[in-house]
Each structure stands twice: as C-alpha cells, then as structure tokens.
Amino acid sequence: MRWCTKTLKIKPLEEWIGDDPTYSYIAIRADEYRAGYVSTKPNIKTMFPFKDDGVVKGDVLRILDDAGIGLPDYYAWRTRSGCYFCFFQRKVEWVGLADNHPELFEAAVAYEDKVRYEAQASGQHYTWSPGESLRELISRRDDILAKHDQAMTRAASRRRNLPLVEILGHVLDAEDAEAPCVACHL
C-alpha cells in the first residue's frame, strides 16, 4: 500500500467513521492479485463483492457499458484512476494531464515552484516526477510521446487480440519503472 493511500484516504476515513458499525465495500475484482484495504477496527466489516461474485475486468467494462457510463474520459491518456497529482504516474500521463487539463498541470507546476522557492536556503529540491521538474518534463513532450508510442507498438506486437485498456495496464515506458498504484488501479 502506498503511503498516500494510508495517510490521505484510509486514516481520514477511519477517523470519520469512528466507532460506528460500518460496511466497507472494496471494488477489487476477482482477477486482481492484491489484498485491498481491511480495517483492523472491529466495527468496520470489509466486503469484496466483485471477488466474492467472480467479477473480472471484462465484466466491469460490460457493466459500465451496459449502464451507459463506459470508462471515464481520462483513460484516453491514463492507465489508472486516482489523483491528478499522483506521484507515481508515468511521464506520458503528466503530458496527458498538460494536454487535457492544463490548469491542473499548471497547479502541479506551481506546487513545485513554491517548494523550490521555500527550500532554496536548504538546497532541497522537490519534483513530482523523479529526476526532473514538470517544466523540464513538458519541454521533452514530443520525445516522451514518441517513446511511449514505441513502447505501445512493441507491446502490441507481443500481445494479440487484447483491447487497448488491457495493453495500457501492462506497458511501462522505458523511463518509467514504477508499477501502477494498485490502490487506484481499475
């Protein structure tokens, strides 16, 4: 579990619930290999309806399509759901944020700038993306997109008859070695 899931999601949820008896429904599918959140508090009972009913990714996609919802638009440029400013998103996803939500990208840049300004005396440097600021990253936009396209082409040549959403879930760009945040991955 990522520190942000525990600190920004689970801890505030458990504090808000307090000692009230609660059912917590976790949407982990039967084809996912992770445990998911199980509270240690005796008043919170964790339920896994998708796992219990054998619901797999294809079933979820069908349910969303049948309901007229489909996948959220951000799956056109992201491989998982989660926070816009996720520390663990890939470089191509930062480019997608800049292209699709420039105001949110600029807000992330502003956080980097603020921390850089405040930390000048200590020499500390914070960036959302390992090894470079978002300004540096976006200046390499075309290169990042080209490398991502190459990685997608290589992955597609190795895997046959898979929908794009399946391919996106397994492709890591050469410069992005971090695995997806499993707490946020659909």
C-alpha atoms as a PDB file:
ATOM      1  CA  MET A   1       0.000   0.000   0.000  1.00  0.00           C
ATOM      2  CA  ARG A   2       1.292   3.430  -0.900  1.00  0.00           C
ATOM      3  CA  TRP A   3       1.849   5.923   1.936  1.00  0.00           C
ATOM      4  CA  CYS A   4      -0.612   8.350   0.328  1.00  0.00           C
ATOM      5  CA  THR A   5      -3.419   5.778   0.385  1.00  0.00           C
ATOM      6  CA  LYS A   6      -2.912   5.198   4.077  1.00  0.00           C
ATOM      7  CA  THR A   7      -2.384   8.847   5.028  1.00  0.00           C
ATOM      8  CA  LEU A   8      -4.829  10.596   2.697  1.00  0.00           C
ATOM      9  CA  LYS A   9      -7.612   8.014   2.370  1.00  0.00           C
ATOM     10  CA  ILE A  10      -7.710   5.262   4.985  1.00  0.00           C
ATOM     11  CA  LYS A  11      -6.755   7.220   8.116  1.00  0.00           C
ATOM     12  CA  PRO A  12      -9.259  10.056   7.470  1.00  0.00           C
ATOM     13  CA  LEU A  13     -11.987   7.507   6.602  1.00  0.00           C
ATOM     14  CA  GLU A  14     -11.468   5.547   9.804  1.00  0.00           C
ATOM     15  CA  GLU A  15     -11.414   8.746  11.863  1.00  0.00           C
ATOM     16  CA  TRP A  16     -14.661   9.895  10.221  1.00  0.00           C
ATOM     17  CA  ILE A  17     -16.334   6.508  10.846  1.00  0.00           C
ATOM     18  CA  GLY A  18     -15.219   6.489  14.465  1.00  0.00           C
ATOM     19  CA  ASP A  19     -16.797   3.601  16.376  1.00  0.00           C
ATOM     20  CA  ASP A  20     -19.965   3.355  14.256  1.00  0.00           C
ATOM     21  CA  PRO A  21     -20.682  -0.092  12.802  1.00  0.00           C
ATOM     22  CA  THR A  22     -19.763   0.151   9.111  1.00  0.00           C
ATOM     23  CA  TYR A  23     -19.561  -1.997   5.989  1.00  0.00           C
ATOM     24  CA  SER A  24     -16.683  -1.046   3.714  1.00  0.00           C
ATOM     25  CA  TYR A  25     -17.190  -2.247   0.117  1.00  0.00           C
ATOM     26  CA  ILE A  26     -13.924  -2.700  -1.768  1.00  0.00           C
ATOM     27  CA  ALA A  27     -14.114  -2.960  -5.571  1.00  0.00           C
ATOM     28  CA  ILE A  28     -11.219  -5.342  -6.145  1.00  0.00           C
ATOM     29  CA  ARG A  29     -12.010  -7.729  -8.983  1.00  0.00           C
ATOM     30  CA  ALA A  30     -11.663 -11.498  -8.872  1.00  0.00           C
ATOM     31  CA  ASP A  31      -8.787 -11.304 -11.400  1.00  0.00           C
ATOM     32  CA  GLU A  32      -6.710  -8.877  -9.316  1.00  0.00           C
ATOM     33  CA  TYR A  33      -3.930 -10.221  -7.155  1.00  0.00           C
ATOM     34  CA  ARG A  34      -3.917  -7.861  -4.216  1.00  0.00           C
ATOM     35  CA  ALA A  35      -5.487  -7.908  -0.794  1.00  0.00           C
ATOM     36  CA  GLY A  36      -7.016  -4.443  -0.562  1.00  0.00           C
ATOM     37  CA  TYR A  37      -7.955  -2.472   2.496  1.00  0.00           C
ATOM     38  CA  VAL A  38      -9.047  -4.486   5.503  1.00  0.00           C
ATOM     39  CA  SER A  39      -9.518  -2.390   8.603  1.00  0.00           C
ATOM     40  CA  THR A  40      -8.128  -3.525  11.919  1.00  0.00           C
ATOM     41  CA  LYS A  41     -11.003  -1.739  13.653  1.00  0.00           C
ATOM     42  CA  PRO A  42     -13.599  -4.273  14.864  1.00  0.00           C
ATOM     43  CA  ASN A  43     -16.520  -2.014  13.891  1.00  0.00           C
ATOM     44  CA  ILE A  44     -15.551  -1.930  10.183  1.00  0.00           C
ATOM     45  CA  LYS A  45     -16.504  -5.035   8.212  1.00  0.00           C
ATOM     46  CA  THR A  46     -14.790  -5.259   4.837  1.00  0.00           C
ATOM     47  CA  MET A  47     -16.760  -6.638   1.883  1.00  0.00           C
ATOM     48  CA  PHE A  48     -15.359  -7.716  -1.516  1.00  0.00           C
ATOM     49  CA  PRO A  49     -18.450  -8.150  -3.720  1.00  0.00           C
ATOM     50  CA  PHE A  50     -16.554  -8.417  -7.028  1.00  0.00           C
ATOM     51  CA  LYS A  51     -14.167 -11.064  -5.680  1.00  0.00           C
ATOM     52  CA  ASP A  52     -16.992 -12.912  -3.951  1.00  0.00           C
ATOM     53  CA  ASP A  53     -19.082 -12.965  -7.147  1.00  0.00           C
ATOM     54  CA  GLY A  54     -16.186 -13.750  -9.513  1.00  0.00           C
ATOM     55  CA  VAL A  55     -16.439 -10.397 -11.342  1.00  0.00           C
ATOM     56  CA  VAL A  56     -13.392  -9.841 -13.607  1.00  0.00           C
ATOM     57  CA  LYS A  57     -12.226  -6.814 -15.612  1.00  0.00           C
ATOM     58  CA  GLY A  58     -14.280  -7.716 -18.686  1.00  0.00           C
ATOM     59  CA  ASP A  59     -17.390  -7.921 -16.502  1.00  0.00           C
ATOM     60  CA  VAL A  60     -16.709  -4.474 -15.048  1.00  0.00           C
ATOM     61  CA  LEU A  61     -16.265  -2.995 -18.537  1.00  0.00           C
ATOM     62  CA  ARG A  62     -19.502  -4.637 -19.672  1.00  0.00           C
ATOM     63  CA  ILE A  63     -21.383  -3.344 -16.600  1.00  0.00           C
ATOM     64  CA  LEU A  64     -20.136   0.192 -17.273  1.00  0.00           C
ATOM     65  CA  ASP A  65     -21.062  -0.039 -20.976  1.00  0.00           C
ATOM     66  CA  ASP A  66     -24.498  -1.563 -20.263  1.00  0.00           C
ATOM     67  CA  ALA A  67     -25.201   1.250 -17.794  1.00  0.00           C
ATOM     68  CA  GLY A  68     -24.314   3.822 -20.462  1.00  0.00           C
ATOM     69  CA  ILE A  69     -21.362   5.037 -18.418  1.00  0.00           C
ATOM     70  CA  GLY A  70     -18.326   3.457 -20.072  1.00  0.00           C
ATOM     71  CA  LEU A  71     -14.804   4.188 -18.948  1.00  0.00           C
ATOM     72  CA  PRO A  72     -14.048   7.719 -17.752  1.00  0.00           C
ATOM     73  CA  ASP A  73     -12.546  10.022 -20.390  1.00  0.00           C
ATOM     74  CA  TYR A  74      -9.202  10.143 -18.606  1.00  0.00           C
ATOM     75  CA  TYR A  75      -8.477   6.558 -19.670  1.00  0.00           C
ATOM     76  CA  ALA A  76      -7.671   8.051 -23.081  1.00  0.00           C
ATOM     77  CA  TRP A  77      -4.412   9.283 -21.501  1.00  0.00           C
ATOM     78  CA  ARG A  78      -4.124   7.486 -18.157  1.00  0.00           C
ATOM     79  CA  THR A  79      -3.696   3.839 -17.292  1.00  0.00           C
ATOM     80  CA  ARG A  80      -5.477   4.006 -13.953  1.00  0.00           C
ATOM     81  CA  SER A  81      -7.752   6.160 -11.889  1.00  0.00           C
ATOM     82  CA  GLY A  82      -6.547   8.162  -8.949  1.00  0.00           C
ATOM     83  CA  CYS A  83      -5.229  11.563  -8.076  1.00  0.00           C
ATOM     84  CA  TYR A  84      -4.373  14.081 -10.794  1.00  0.00           C
ATOM     85  CA  PHE A  85      -1.125  14.832  -8.962  1.00  0.00           C
ATOM     86  CA  CYS A  86      -0.215  11.190  -8.312  1.00  0.00           C
ATOM     87  CA  PHE A  87       3.481  10.862  -7.514  1.00  0.00           C
ATOM     88  CA  PHE A  88       3.513   7.508  -9.276  1.00  0.00           C
ATOM     89  CA  GLN A  89       2.069   8.461 -12.632  1.00  0.00           C
ATOM     90  CA  ARG A  90       4.148   7.918 -15.708  1.00  0.00           C
ATOM     91  CA  LYS A  91       5.770  10.732 -17.642  1.00  0.00           C
ATOM     92  CA  VAL A  92       3.347  10.243 -20.529  1.00  0.00           C
ATOM     93  CA  GLU A  93       0.479  10.682 -18.055  1.00  0.00           C
ATOM     94  CA  TRP A  94       1.918  14.050 -16.957  1.00  0.00           C
ATOM     95  CA  VAL A  95       1.957  15.007 -20.658  1.00  0.00           C
ATOM     96  CA  GLY A  96      -1.661  13.839 -20.895  1.00  0.00           C
ATOM     97  CA  LEU A  97      -2.569  15.980 -17.893  1.00  0.00           C
ATOM     98  CA  ALA A  98      -0.914  19.002 -19.524  1.00  0.00           C
ATOM     99  CA  ASP A  99      -2.748  18.364 -22.802  1.00  0.00           C
ATOM    100  CA  ASN A 100      -6.159  17.572 -21.313  1.00  0.00           C
ATOM    101  CA  HIS A 101      -6.233  19.658 -18.137  1.00  0.00           C
ATOM    102  CA  PRO A 102      -3.636  22.423 -18.491  1.00  0.00           C
ATOM    103  CA  GLU A 103      -4.994  24.214 -15.424  1.00  0.00           C
ATOM    104  CA  LEU A 104      -4.304  21.152 -13.234  1.00  0.00           C
ATOM    105  CA  PHE A 105      -0.866  20.674 -14.770  1.00  0.00           C
ATOM    106  CA  GLU A 106      -0.060  24.324 -14.040  1.00  0.00           C
ATOM    107  CA  ALA A 107      -1.286  23.860 -10.452  1.00  0.00           C
ATOM    108  CA  ALA A 108       1.166  20.949 -10.073  1.00  0.00           C
ATOM    109  CA  VAL A 109       3.948  23.136 -11.527  1.00  0.00           C
ATOM    110  CA  ALA A 110       3.011  25.857  -9.035  1.00  0.00           C
ATOM    111  CA  TYR A 111       3.481  23.383  -6.154  1.00  0.00           C
ATOM    112  CA  GLU A 112       6.962  22.541  -7.429  1.00  0.00           C
ATOM    113  CA  ASP A 113       7.796  26.233  -7.805  1.00  0.00           C
ATOM    114  CA  LYS A 114       6.538  27.056  -4.307  1.00  0.00           C
ATOM    115  CA  VAL A 115       8.573  24.283  -2.710  1.00  0.00           C
ATOM    116  CA  ARG A 116      11.650  25.250  -4.746  1.00  0.00           C
ATOM    117  CA  TYR A 117      11.335  28.894  -3.634  1.00  0.00           C
ATOM    118  CA  GLU A 118      10.800  27.972   0.036  1.00  0.00           C
ATOM    119  CA  ALA A 119      13.609  25.401   0.061  1.00  0.00           C
ATOM    120  CA  GLN A 120      16.307  27.496  -1.622  1.00  0.00           C
ATOM    121  CA  ALA A 121      18.140  28.019   1.664  1.00  0.00           C
ATOM    122  CA  SER A 122      18.313  24.292   2.435  1.00  0.00           C
ATOM    123  CA  GLY A 123      19.167  23.246  -1.103  1.00  0.00           C
ATOM    124  CA  GLN A 124      16.337  20.701  -1.141  1.00  0.00           C
ATOM    125  CA  HIS A 125      14.590  20.156  -4.416  1.00  0.00           C
ATOM    126  CA  TYR A 126      11.193  18.523  -4.861  1.00  0.00           C
ATOM    127  CA  THR A 127       9.676  17.307  -8.123  1.00  0.00           C
ATOM    128  CA  TRP A 128       6.553  15.316  -8.897  1.00  0.00           C
ATOM    129  CA  SER A 129       8.394  13.195 -11.449  1.00  0.00           C
ATOM    130  CA  PRO A 130      11.694  11.545 -10.483  1.00  0.00           C
ATOM    131  CA  GLY A 131      14.765  13.269 -11.855  1.00  0.00           C
ATOM    132  CA  GLU A 132      13.184  16.347 -13.417  1.00  0.00           C
ATOM    133  CA  SER A 133      10.745  19.150 -12.800  1.00  0.00           C
ATOM    134  CA  LEU A 134       7.434  19.246 -14.633  1.00  0.00           C
ATOM    135  CA  ARG A 135       8.744  22.220 -16.634  1.00  0.00           C
ATOM    136  CA  GLU A 136      11.675  20.072 -17.771  1.00  0.00           C
ATOM    137  CA  LEU A 137       9.410  17.106 -18.408  1.00  0.00           C
ATOM    138  CA  ILE A 138       6.958  19.044 -20.585  1.00  0.00           C
ATOM    139  CA  SER A 139       9.837  20.523 -22.585  1.00  0.00           C
ATOM    140  CA  ARG A 140      10.527  16.913 -23.641  1.00  0.00           C
ATOM    141  CA  ARG A 141       6.858  16.314 -24.541  1.00  0.00           C
ATOM    142  CA  ASP A 142       7.480  15.099 -28.102  1.00  0.00           C
ATOM    143  CA  ASP A 143      10.260  12.728 -27.025  1.00  0.00           C
ATOM    144  CA  ILE A 144       8.121  11.293 -24.209  1.00  0.00           C
ATOM    145  CA  LEU A 145       5.193  10.730 -26.590  1.00  0.00           C
ATOM    146  CA  ALA A 146       7.463   9.128 -29.195  1.00  0.00           C
ATOM    147  CA  LYS A 147       8.980   6.736 -26.636  1.00  0.00           C
ATOM    148  CA  HIS A 148       5.517   5.887 -25.341  1.00  0.00           C
ATOM    149  CA  ASP A 149       4.279   5.164 -28.879  1.00  0.00           C
ATOM    150  CA  GLN A 150       7.292   2.902 -29.454  1.00  0.00           C
ATOM    151  CA  ALA A 151       6.596   1.045 -26.196  1.00  0.00           C
ATOM    152  CA  MET A 152       2.931   0.639 -27.153  1.00  0.00           C
ATOM    153  CA  THR A 153       3.904  -0.704 -30.585  1.00  0.00           C
ATOM    154  CA  ARG A 154       6.331  -3.211 -29.028  1.00  0.00           C
ATOM    155  CA  ALA A 155       3.683  -4.333 -26.534  1.00  0.00           C
ATOM    156  CA  ALA A 156       1.046  -4.672 -29.257  1.00  0.00           C
ATOM    157  CA  SER A 157       3.368  -6.818 -31.363  1.00  0.00           C
ATOM    158  CA  ARG A 158       3.869  -9.206 -28.421  1.00  0.00           C
ATOM    159  CA  ARG A 159       0.212  -9.433 -27.452  1.00  0.00           C
ATOM    160  CA  ARG A 160      -2.538 -10.376 -29.814  1.00  0.00           C
ATOM    161  CA  ASN A 161      -6.262  -9.670 -29.644  1.00  0.00           C
ATOM    162  CA  LEU A 162      -6.195  -7.588 -26.466  1.00  0.00           C
ATOM    163  CA  PRO A 163      -8.247  -4.424 -26.073  1.00  0.00           C
ATOM    164  CA  LEU A 164      -6.247  -1.213 -25.634  1.00  0.00           C
ATOM    165  CA  VAL A 165      -7.239  -0.920 -21.969  1.00  0.00           C
ATOM    166  CA  GLU A 166      -5.572  -4.305 -21.331  1.00  0.00           C
ATOM    167  CA  ILE A 167      -2.399  -3.250 -23.145  1.00  0.00           C
ATOM    168  CA  LEU A 168      -2.219   0.064 -21.282  1.00  0.00           C
ATOM    169  CA  GLY A 169      -2.385  -1.739 -17.967  1.00  0.00           C
ATOM    170  CA  HIS A 170       0.832  -3.639 -18.720  1.00  0.00           C
ATOM    171  CA  VAL A 171       3.017  -1.194 -20.645  1.00  0.00           C
ATOM    172  CA  LEU A 172       5.741   0.675 -18.838  1.00  0.00           C
ATOM    173  CA  ASP A 173       7.739   3.239 -20.747  1.00  0.00           C
ATOM    174  CA  ALA A 174      11.475   2.690 -20.646  1.00  0.00           C
ATOM    175  CA  GLU A 175      11.960   5.694 -18.361  1.00  0.00           C
ATOM    176  CA  ASP A 176       9.043   4.832 -16.069  1.00  0.00           C
ATOM    177  CA  ALA A 177       9.983   1.836 -13.961  1.00  0.00           C
ATOM    178  CA  GLU A 178       7.354   2.436 -11.278  1.00  0.00           C
ATOM    179  CA  ALA A 179       4.465  -0.001 -11.231  1.00  0.00           C
ATOM    180  CA  PRO A 180       0.943   1.455 -11.172  1.00  0.00           C
ATOM    181  CA  CYS A 181      -0.507   2.438  -7.822  1.00  0.00           C
ATOM    182  CA  VAL A 182      -2.503  -0.691  -7.028  1.00  0.00           C
ATOM    183  CA  ALA A 183      -4.830   1.175  -4.685  1.00  0.00           C
ATOM    184  CA  CYS A 184      -6.007   3.343  -7.549  1.00  0.00           C
ATOM    185  CA  HIS A 185      -5.765   0.900 -10.489  1.00  0.00           C
ATOM    186  CA  LEU A 186      -9.115  -0.140 -12.015  1.00  0.00           C
END
